[in-house]
Amino acid sequence: MKTDFVNQLRALGFNPQEPAADKVYFEWLVEVGPNAGKRVLVGTTVGNGFPATPPSAPHFKALDSDWKEHTDNVNPSEFGNGWSSYPDNDPALYQKGWRYWSRRFDEWAATNEKNAKFYLAHLRKIMMSI
């Protein structure tokens, strides 16, 4: 369940937000690769099948300038649209600027560690691919 993923993120020190029924986003400080040291919002869709089913590939919204993205399979995203509420009543800040990074997560099926910590490892792997 999405609640499990959210609680796991909290246990890891993040402050996840749940703007819509199946969506979760949180601020992340990138640790590796060309974006190391930069802040980004990570958005994902988490269905009721979690943890058997992984969260979706990430939607990123850069918070710091000079954000670098991969040249392949990155597209504008509508992740921030249709939320029931927006932080600080500022929908414009959250509706635009999201980028969907289509990255398969084949390792999910092969591991027993189906949790938020493993999802973060996937994000680090993606950052190393830039």
N, C-alpha and C. Protein backbone atom coordinates (compact mmCIF):
# COMPACT_ATOMS: atom_id res chain seq x y z
N MET A 1 0.83 -1.19 0.00
CA MET A 1 0.00 0.00 0.00
C MET A 1 0.87 1.25 0.00
N LYS A 2 0.32 2.32 -0.56
CA LYS A 2 1.04 3.59 -0.60
C LYS A 2 1.45 4.04 0.80
N THR A 3 0.60 3.78 1.78
CA THR A 3 0.90 4.18 3.15
C THR A 3 2.21 3.57 3.63
N ASP A 4 2.48 2.33 3.26
CA ASP A 4 3.73 1.68 3.66
C ASP A 4 4.92 2.41 3.06
N PHE A 5 4.84 2.76 1.78
CA PHE A 5 5.93 3.48 1.12
C PHE A 5 6.17 4.83 1.80
N VAL A 6 5.10 5.56 2.08
CA VAL A 6 5.20 6.85 2.74
C VAL A 6 5.84 6.70 4.11
N ASN A 7 5.41 5.73 4.88
CA ASN A 7 6.00 5.51 6.21
C ASN A 7 7.46 5.12 6.13
N GLN A 8 7.83 4.35 5.13
CA GLN A 8 9.24 3.98 4.95
C GLN A 8 10.08 5.21 4.61
N LEU A 9 9.56 6.09 3.77
CA LEU A 9 10.28 7.33 3.45
C LEU A 9 10.46 8.18 4.71
N ARG A 10 9.41 8.26 5.52
CA ARG A 10 9.51 9.03 6.78
C ARG A 10 10.59 8.44 7.69
N ALA A 11 10.63 7.12 7.77
CA ALA A 11 11.63 6.46 8.62
C ALA A 11 13.04 6.73 8.13
N LEU A 12 13.19 7.03 6.84
CA LEU A 12 14.50 7.35 6.26
C LEU A 12 14.83 8.84 6.36
N GLY A 13 13.94 9.62 6.98
CA GLY A 13 14.19 11.04 7.22
C GLY A 13 13.60 11.99 6.18
N PHE A 14 12.77 11.50 5.29
CA PHE A 14 12.13 12.34 4.28
C PHE A 14 10.78 12.84 4.78
N ASN A 15 10.26 13.84 4.10
CA ASN A 15 8.96 14.40 4.43
C ASN A 15 8.03 14.23 3.23
N PRO A 16 7.58 13.01 2.96
CA PRO A 16 6.76 12.78 1.77
C PRO A 16 5.40 13.45 1.86
N GLN A 17 4.93 13.89 0.71
CA GLN A 17 3.62 14.52 0.59
C GLN A 17 2.73 13.63 -0.28
N GLU A 18 1.44 13.64 0.01
CA GLU A 18 0.50 12.82 -0.73
C GLU A 18 -0.57 13.73 -1.36
N PRO A 19 -0.26 14.31 -2.53
CA PRO A 19 -1.17 15.29 -3.11
C PRO A 19 -2.40 14.71 -3.81
N ALA A 20 -2.37 13.44 -4.10
CA ALA A 20 -3.49 12.79 -4.79
C ALA A 20 -3.51 11.32 -4.36
N ALA A 21 -4.57 10.63 -4.71
CA ALA A 21 -4.82 9.27 -4.23
C ALA A 21 -3.63 8.33 -4.38
N ASP A 22 -2.97 8.34 -5.52
CA ASP A 22 -1.87 7.39 -5.74
C ASP A 22 -0.51 8.05 -5.91
N LYS A 23 -0.41 9.35 -5.66
CA LYS A 23 0.84 10.07 -5.88
C LYS A 23 1.54 10.41 -4.58
N VAL A 24 2.87 10.39 -4.66
CA VAL A 24 3.73 10.76 -3.54
C VAL A 24 4.87 11.59 -4.12
N TYR A 25 5.25 12.64 -3.41
CA TYR A 25 6.47 13.34 -3.79
C TYR A 25 7.23 13.73 -2.53
N PHE A 26 8.54 13.91 -2.71
CA PHE A 26 9.40 14.29 -1.60
C PHE A 26 10.62 15.00 -2.13
N GLU A 27 11.22 15.84 -1.30
CA GLU A 27 12.46 16.51 -1.69
C GLU A 27 13.62 15.56 -1.45
N TRP A 28 14.54 15.54 -2.40
CA TRP A 28 15.70 14.66 -2.32
C TRP A 28 16.95 15.44 -2.68
N LEU A 29 18.00 15.26 -1.93
CA LEU A 29 19.30 15.84 -2.24
C LEU A 29 20.10 14.77 -2.96
N VAL A 30 20.37 15.01 -4.23
CA VAL A 30 21.07 14.02 -5.06
C VAL A 30 22.47 13.82 -4.50
N GLU A 31 22.87 12.57 -4.37
CA GLU A 31 24.14 12.23 -3.72
C GLU A 31 25.26 11.91 -4.70
N VAL A 32 24.90 11.55 -5.94
CA VAL A 32 25.90 11.05 -6.89
C VAL A 32 25.67 11.64 -8.28
N GLY A 33 26.70 11.53 -9.12
CA GLY A 33 26.57 11.93 -10.51
C GLY A 33 26.67 13.43 -10.70
N PRO A 34 26.38 13.90 -11.92
CA PRO A 34 26.51 15.32 -12.24
C PRO A 34 25.58 16.24 -11.46
N ASN A 35 24.52 15.70 -10.87
CA ASN A 35 23.60 16.50 -10.07
C ASN A 35 23.86 16.41 -8.57
N ALA A 36 24.97 15.83 -8.19
CA ALA A 36 25.28 15.68 -6.76
C ALA A 36 25.24 17.05 -6.08
N GLY A 37 24.56 17.08 -4.93
CA GLY A 37 24.44 18.30 -4.15
C GLY A 37 23.26 19.17 -4.55
N LYS A 38 22.50 18.76 -5.55
CA LYS A 38 21.35 19.54 -5.99
C LYS A 38 20.06 18.96 -5.42
N ARG A 39 19.11 19.85 -5.14
CA ARG A 39 17.82 19.44 -4.60
C ARG A 39 16.83 19.26 -5.74
N VAL A 40 15.98 18.27 -5.58
CA VAL A 40 14.97 17.97 -6.58
C VAL A 40 13.74 17.40 -5.87
N LEU A 41 12.57 17.66 -6.43
CA LEU A 41 11.39 16.95 -5.97
C LEU A 41 11.30 15.67 -6.79
N VAL A 42 11.06 14.57 -6.10
CA VAL A 42 10.87 13.28 -6.76
C VAL A 42 9.40 12.93 -6.59
N GLY A 43 8.74 12.70 -7.71
CA GLY A 43 7.34 12.29 -7.68
C GLY A 43 7.20 10.89 -8.22
N THR A 44 6.30 10.13 -7.65
CA THR A 44 6.07 8.78 -8.12
C THR A 44 4.61 8.39 -7.87
N THR A 45 4.16 7.44 -8.62
CA THR A 45 2.83 6.89 -8.43
C THR A 45 2.99 5.55 -7.71
N VAL A 46 2.27 5.38 -6.62
CA VAL A 46 2.37 4.16 -5.82
C VAL A 46 0.97 3.56 -5.71
N GLY A 47 0.82 2.40 -6.28
CA GLY A 47 -0.48 1.75 -6.26
C GLY A 47 -0.68 0.86 -5.05
N ASN A 48 -1.86 0.30 -4.94
CA ASN A 48 -2.19 -0.59 -3.83
C ASN A 48 -1.39 -1.88 -3.87
N GLY A 49 -0.74 -2.16 -5.00
CA GLY A 49 0.05 -3.37 -5.12
C GLY A 49 1.41 -3.30 -4.47
N PHE A 50 1.80 -2.10 -3.98
CA PHE A 50 3.08 -1.98 -3.28
C PHE A 50 3.04 -2.81 -2.01
N PRO A 51 4.05 -3.58 -1.70
CA PRO A 51 5.39 -3.64 -2.27
C PRO A 51 5.59 -4.67 -3.39
N ALA A 52 4.59 -5.46 -3.71
CA ALA A 52 4.78 -6.43 -4.80
C ALA A 52 5.05 -5.70 -6.11
N THR A 53 4.40 -4.57 -6.30
CA THR A 53 4.58 -3.74 -7.48
C THR A 53 5.38 -2.50 -7.09
N PRO A 54 6.42 -2.15 -7.85
CA PRO A 54 7.23 -0.99 -7.46
C PRO A 54 6.52 0.33 -7.73
N PRO A 55 6.99 1.39 -7.08
CA PRO A 55 6.53 2.72 -7.46
C PRO A 55 6.89 2.97 -8.93
N SER A 56 6.22 3.92 -9.55
CA SER A 56 6.49 4.23 -10.96
C SER A 56 7.90 4.79 -11.14
N ALA A 57 8.31 4.84 -12.40
CA ALA A 57 9.55 5.55 -12.72
C ALA A 57 9.39 7.00 -12.21
N PRO A 58 10.49 7.66 -11.92
CA PRO A 58 10.39 8.97 -11.26
C PRO A 58 10.02 10.12 -12.18
N HIS A 59 9.35 11.07 -11.57
CA HIS A 59 9.11 12.39 -12.15
C HIS A 59 9.99 13.32 -11.32
N PHE A 60 10.83 14.10 -11.97
CA PHE A 60 11.72 15.01 -11.26
C PHE A 60 11.32 16.45 -11.54
N LYS A 61 11.40 17.29 -10.50
CA LYS A 61 11.22 18.74 -10.64
C LYS A 61 12.41 19.38 -9.95
N ALA A 62 13.32 19.91 -10.75
CA ALA A 62 14.55 20.50 -10.20
C ALA A 62 14.22 21.71 -9.34
N LEU A 63 14.88 21.81 -8.20
CA LEU A 63 14.73 22.96 -7.32
C LEU A 63 15.95 23.87 -7.39
N ASP A 64 17.05 23.34 -7.85
CA ASP A 64 18.29 24.11 -7.98
C ASP A 64 18.63 24.28 -9.46
N SER A 65 19.33 25.35 -9.76
CA SER A 65 19.69 25.62 -11.15
C SER A 65 20.78 24.65 -11.63
N ASP A 66 20.97 24.65 -12.90
CA ASP A 66 22.01 23.83 -13.54
C ASP A 66 21.73 22.34 -13.45
N TRP A 67 20.46 21.98 -13.35
CA TRP A 67 20.06 20.57 -13.29
C TRP A 67 20.41 19.91 -14.62
N LYS A 68 21.00 18.75 -14.56
CA LYS A 68 21.36 18.00 -15.75
C LYS A 68 20.41 16.81 -15.89
N GLU A 69 19.97 16.56 -17.11
CA GLU A 69 19.14 15.39 -17.30
C GLU A 69 19.72 14.51 -18.39
N HIS A 70 19.31 13.29 -18.35
CA HIS A 70 19.74 12.32 -19.34
C HIS A 70 19.16 12.73 -20.69
N THR A 71 19.84 12.38 -21.76
CA THR A 71 19.38 12.78 -23.09
C THR A 71 18.32 11.83 -23.65
N ASP A 72 18.14 10.66 -23.05
CA ASP A 72 17.18 9.68 -23.57
C ASP A 72 16.00 9.47 -22.63
N ASN A 73 14.84 9.32 -23.22
CA ASN A 73 13.62 8.92 -22.49
C ASN A 73 13.28 9.84 -21.32
N VAL A 74 13.39 11.14 -21.55
CA VAL A 74 12.98 12.14 -20.57
C VAL A 74 11.96 13.04 -21.26
N ASN A 75 10.79 13.18 -20.64
CA ASN A 75 9.70 13.93 -21.27
C ASN A 75 9.01 14.84 -20.27
N PRO A 76 8.36 15.91 -20.78
CA PRO A 76 7.56 16.73 -19.87
C PRO A 76 6.52 15.86 -19.17
N SER A 77 6.19 16.22 -17.95
CA SER A 77 5.28 15.42 -17.14
C SER A 77 4.13 16.27 -16.62
N GLU A 78 2.98 15.65 -16.51
CA GLU A 78 1.80 16.29 -15.93
C GLU A 78 1.63 15.88 -14.46
N PHE A 79 2.71 15.43 -13.83
CA PHE A 79 2.62 14.89 -12.47
C PHE A 79 1.95 15.87 -11.49
N GLY A 80 2.20 17.16 -11.63
CA GLY A 80 1.68 18.15 -10.69
C GLY A 80 0.27 18.62 -10.95
N ASN A 81 -0.38 18.09 -11.97
CA ASN A 81 -1.75 18.53 -12.28
C ASN A 81 -2.78 17.66 -11.57
N GLY A 82 -3.88 18.27 -11.19
CA GLY A 82 -5.01 17.54 -10.64
C GLY A 82 -4.90 17.17 -9.17
N TRP A 83 -3.98 17.79 -8.45
CA TRP A 83 -3.89 17.50 -7.02
C TRP A 83 -5.09 18.10 -6.30
N SER A 84 -5.44 17.51 -5.19
CA SER A 84 -6.57 18.03 -4.42
C SER A 84 -6.21 19.31 -3.70
N SER A 85 -4.93 19.51 -3.38
CA SER A 85 -4.47 20.76 -2.76
C SER A 85 -3.00 20.95 -3.10
N TYR A 86 -2.54 22.19 -2.96
CA TYR A 86 -1.16 22.52 -3.27
C TYR A 86 -0.53 23.24 -2.08
N PRO A 87 0.75 22.94 -1.81
CA PRO A 87 1.43 23.63 -0.70
C PRO A 87 1.37 25.15 -0.89
N ASP A 88 1.19 25.83 0.18
CA ASP A 88 1.16 27.30 0.19
C ASP A 88 0.14 27.86 -0.79
N ASN A 89 -0.86 27.06 -1.15
CA ASN A 89 -1.89 27.50 -2.10
C ASN A 89 -1.28 28.05 -3.39
N ASP A 90 -0.20 27.44 -3.85
CA ASP A 90 0.52 27.92 -5.03
C ASP A 90 0.59 26.81 -6.09
N PRO A 91 -0.54 26.57 -6.79
CA PRO A 91 -0.55 25.49 -7.77
C PRO A 91 0.46 25.68 -8.89
N ALA A 92 0.70 26.91 -9.32
CA ALA A 92 1.60 27.15 -10.46
C ALA A 92 3.00 26.60 -10.18
N LEU A 93 3.45 26.70 -8.95
CA LEU A 93 4.78 26.22 -8.60
C LEU A 93 4.91 24.71 -8.76
N TYR A 94 3.82 24.00 -8.55
CA TYR A 94 3.87 22.54 -8.56
C TYR A 94 3.30 21.91 -9.84
N GLN A 95 2.54 22.67 -10.60
CA GLN A 95 1.93 22.10 -11.81
C GLN A 95 2.91 22.00 -12.97
N LYS A 96 3.86 22.87 -13.04
CA LYS A 96 4.77 22.92 -14.19
C LYS A 96 6.18 22.53 -13.79
N GLY A 97 6.95 22.10 -14.79
CA GLY A 97 8.37 21.85 -14.59
C GLY A 97 8.75 20.42 -14.24
N TRP A 98 7.78 19.53 -14.13
CA TRP A 98 8.09 18.13 -13.85
C TRP A 98 8.58 17.46 -15.12
N ARG A 99 9.52 16.54 -14.97
CA ARG A 99 10.07 15.78 -16.09
C ARG A 99 10.00 14.29 -15.74
N TYR A 100 9.44 13.51 -16.63
CA TYR A 100 9.31 12.07 -16.42
C TYR A 100 10.52 11.36 -17.01
N TRP A 101 11.21 10.59 -16.19
CA TRP A 101 12.37 9.82 -16.63
C TRP A 101 11.93 8.37 -16.73
N SER A 102 11.70 7.92 -17.93
CA SER A 102 11.24 6.55 -18.16
C SER A 102 12.41 5.59 -17.96
N ARG A 103 12.46 4.99 -16.79
CA ARG A 103 13.55 4.07 -16.45
C ARG A 103 12.97 2.80 -15.85
N ARG A 104 13.25 1.70 -16.50
CA ARG A 104 12.77 0.40 -16.01
C ARG A 104 13.40 0.07 -14.67
N PHE A 105 12.69 -0.70 -13.89
CA PHE A 105 13.17 -1.10 -12.57
C PHE A 105 13.07 -2.61 -12.47
N ASP A 106 13.76 -3.28 -13.38
CA ASP A 106 13.70 -4.74 -13.45
C ASP A 106 14.19 -5.43 -12.18
N GLU A 107 15.08 -4.78 -11.45
CA GLU A 107 15.65 -5.38 -10.24
C GLU A 107 14.61 -5.60 -9.15
N TRP A 108 13.50 -4.86 -9.21
CA TRP A 108 12.47 -4.95 -8.17
C TRP A 108 11.95 -6.38 -8.03
N ALA A 109 11.68 -7.02 -9.14
CA ALA A 109 11.11 -8.37 -9.10
C ALA A 109 12.09 -9.39 -8.53
N ALA A 110 13.38 -9.13 -8.66
CA ALA A 110 14.39 -10.10 -8.26
C ALA A 110 14.87 -9.95 -6.81
N THR A 111 14.40 -8.92 -6.12
CA THR A 111 14.90 -8.69 -4.77
C THR A 111 13.86 -9.00 -3.70
N ASN A 112 14.34 -9.23 -2.51
CA ASN A 112 13.46 -9.35 -1.34
C ASN A 112 13.31 -8.00 -0.64
N GLU A 113 14.11 -7.02 -1.07
CA GLU A 113 14.13 -5.69 -0.45
C GLU A 113 13.20 -4.74 -1.18
N LYS A 114 11.94 -5.04 -1.23
CA LYS A 114 10.97 -4.21 -1.94
C LYS A 114 10.49 -3.10 -1.01
N ASN A 115 11.28 -2.02 -0.96
CA ASN A 115 10.97 -0.94 -0.02
C ASN A 115 11.49 0.39 -0.54
N ALA A 116 11.23 1.46 0.21
CA ALA A 116 11.63 2.80 -0.18
C ALA A 116 13.15 2.92 -0.29
N LYS A 117 13.87 2.25 0.58
CA LYS A 117 15.34 2.32 0.54
C LYS A 117 15.86 1.77 -0.80
N PHE A 118 15.26 0.70 -1.28
CA PHE A 118 15.66 0.12 -2.56
C PHE A 118 15.27 1.04 -3.71
N TYR A 119 14.12 1.71 -3.59
CA TYR A 119 13.71 2.68 -4.61
C TYR A 119 14.73 3.83 -4.68
N LEU A 120 15.21 4.30 -3.54
CA LEU A 120 16.22 5.35 -3.52
C LEU A 120 17.52 4.88 -4.17
N ALA A 121 17.86 3.62 -3.99
CA ALA A 121 19.05 3.07 -4.66
C ALA A 121 18.86 3.13 -6.17
N HIS A 122 17.65 2.87 -6.63
CA HIS A 122 17.32 2.97 -8.05
C HIS A 122 17.51 4.41 -8.54
N LEU A 123 17.08 5.38 -7.75
CA LEU A 123 17.26 6.79 -8.12
C LEU A 123 18.75 7.14 -8.23
N ARG A 124 19.55 6.64 -7.29
CA ARG A 124 21.00 6.91 -7.36
C ARG A 124 21.60 6.30 -8.63
N LYS A 125 21.15 5.11 -8.98
CA LYS A 125 21.62 4.44 -10.20
C LYS A 125 21.26 5.29 -11.43
N ILE A 126 20.06 5.82 -11.43
CA ILE A 126 19.64 6.67 -12.55
C ILE A 126 20.54 7.90 -12.64
N MET A 127 20.82 8.52 -11.51
CA MET A 127 21.67 9.72 -11.51
C MET A 127 23.08 9.43 -12.02
N MET A 128 23.54 8.22 -11.79
CA MET A 128 24.88 7.84 -12.29
C MET A 128 24.88 7.60 -13.79
N SER A 129 23.71 7.49 -14.42
CA SER A 129 23.63 7.20 -15.84
C SER A 129 23.67 8.46 -16.73
N ILE A 130 23.70 9.62 -16.10
CA ILE A 130 23.69 10.86 -16.88
C ILE A 130 25.05 11.08 -17.54
